[in-house]
Amino acid sequence: MSAISNTTLHERMNDGVMPPSVSVGPRAVRWVERELCTVLAAMIAGASDEEIRQLVAELIVARQELPFLVQSGWAQEVTV
């Protein structure tokens, strides 16, 4: 989905410009594809880092409103 290194991905997550991963096991994480596509589309459209941080914050809040299957890792995911 995205050709960036794990280090860069984690730096962007820590900076709030990429959505955080979801733990699906003791040594496994996944990302919600819809969230990644939304953030990447905003980046392509030229959104500022501050706009993307706000978008990521909104996506994180929206996770709480998703059905249990998404939160538990049964929804479509992307491994990076």
Protein backbone atom coordinates (compact mmCIF):
# COMPACT_ATOMS: atom_id res chain seq x y z
CA MET A 1 0.00 0.00 0.00
CA SER A 2 2.79 2.40 0.86
CA ALA A 3 6.48 2.12 0.04
CA ILE A 4 8.00 3.56 3.20
CA SER A 5 10.31 1.95 5.69
CA ASN A 6 9.08 0.67 9.06
CA THR A 7 11.16 3.37 10.75
CA THR A 8 9.54 6.13 8.70
CA LEU A 9 6.09 4.64 9.27
CA HIS A 10 6.59 4.62 13.04
CA GLU A 11 8.03 8.15 12.99
CA ARG A 12 4.94 9.33 11.11
CA MET A 13 2.65 7.50 13.54
CA ASN A 14 4.45 9.12 16.48
CA ASP A 15 4.14 12.52 14.77
CA GLY A 16 0.40 11.96 14.30
CA VAL A 17 0.41 12.04 10.50
CA MET A 18 -0.29 8.31 10.05
CA PRO A 19 -2.96 6.34 11.90
CA PRO A 20 -1.66 4.01 14.59
CA SER A 21 -1.64 0.28 14.12
CA VAL A 22 -4.14 -2.08 15.75
CA SER A 23 -2.79 -4.92 17.87
CA VAL A 24 -4.18 -8.26 16.73
CA GLY A 25 -1.97 -10.50 18.84
CA PRO A 26 1.04 -10.51 21.13
CA ARG A 27 3.44 -9.91 18.21
CA ALA A 28 1.14 -8.80 15.41
CA VAL A 29 -0.28 -5.46 14.33
CA ARG A 30 -2.35 -4.38 11.37
CA TRP A 31 -3.61 -1.12 9.92
CA VAL A 32 -7.16 -0.32 8.88
CA GLU A 33 -7.07 -0.02 5.11
CA ARG A 34 -9.75 2.66 4.98
CA GLU A 35 -7.71 4.84 7.35
CA LEU A 36 -4.51 4.47 5.31
CA CYS A 37 -6.31 5.22 2.05
CA THR A 38 -7.93 8.30 3.57
CA VAL A 39 -4.61 9.66 4.88
CA LEU A 40 -2.74 8.89 1.66
CA ALA A 41 -5.46 10.62 -0.37
CA ALA A 42 -5.13 13.70 1.85
CA MET A 43 -1.36 13.68 1.35
CA ILE A 44 -1.75 13.40 -2.41
CA ALA A 45 -4.28 16.26 -2.35
CA GLY A 46 -1.66 18.46 -0.67
CA ALA A 47 -3.07 18.64 2.86
CA SER A 48 -0.74 20.19 5.42
CA ASP A 49 0.70 18.13 8.26
CA GLU A 50 -1.65 19.92 10.66
CA GLU A 51 -4.67 19.04 8.50
CA ILE A 52 -3.51 15.43 8.35
CA ARG A 53 -3.02 15.33 12.14
CA GLN A 54 -6.62 16.49 12.54
CA LEU A 55 -7.78 13.87 10.04
CA VAL A 56 -5.87 11.11 11.87
CA ALA A 57 -7.39 12.24 15.18
CA GLU A 58 -10.88 12.03 13.62
CA LEU A 59 -10.14 8.56 12.24
CA ILE A 60 -9.03 7.36 15.67
CA VAL A 61 -12.25 8.66 17.24
CA ALA A 62 -14.25 6.96 14.48
CA ARG A 63 -12.64 3.62 15.38
CA GLN A 64 -14.62 3.63 18.59
CA GLU A 65 -17.82 3.77 16.55
CA LEU A 66 -16.95 0.79 14.32
CA PRO A 67 -18.49 -2.64 14.78
CA PHE A 68 -16.70 -5.14 17.00
CA LEU A 69 -15.37 -7.08 14.00
CA VAL A 70 -13.27 -4.14 12.84
CA GLN A 71 -11.87 -3.45 16.30
CA SER A 72 -11.01 -7.12 16.83
CA GLY A 73 -9.09 -7.36 13.57
CA TRP A 74 -11.59 -9.29 11.48
CA ALA A 75 -12.12 -6.47 8.99
CA GLN A 76 -10.05 -6.03 5.86
CA GLU A 77 -6.53 -5.04 6.88
CA VAL A 78 -3.22 -4.16 5.31
CA THR A 79 0.12 -5.46 6.57
CA VAL A 80 2.92 -2.97 6.13
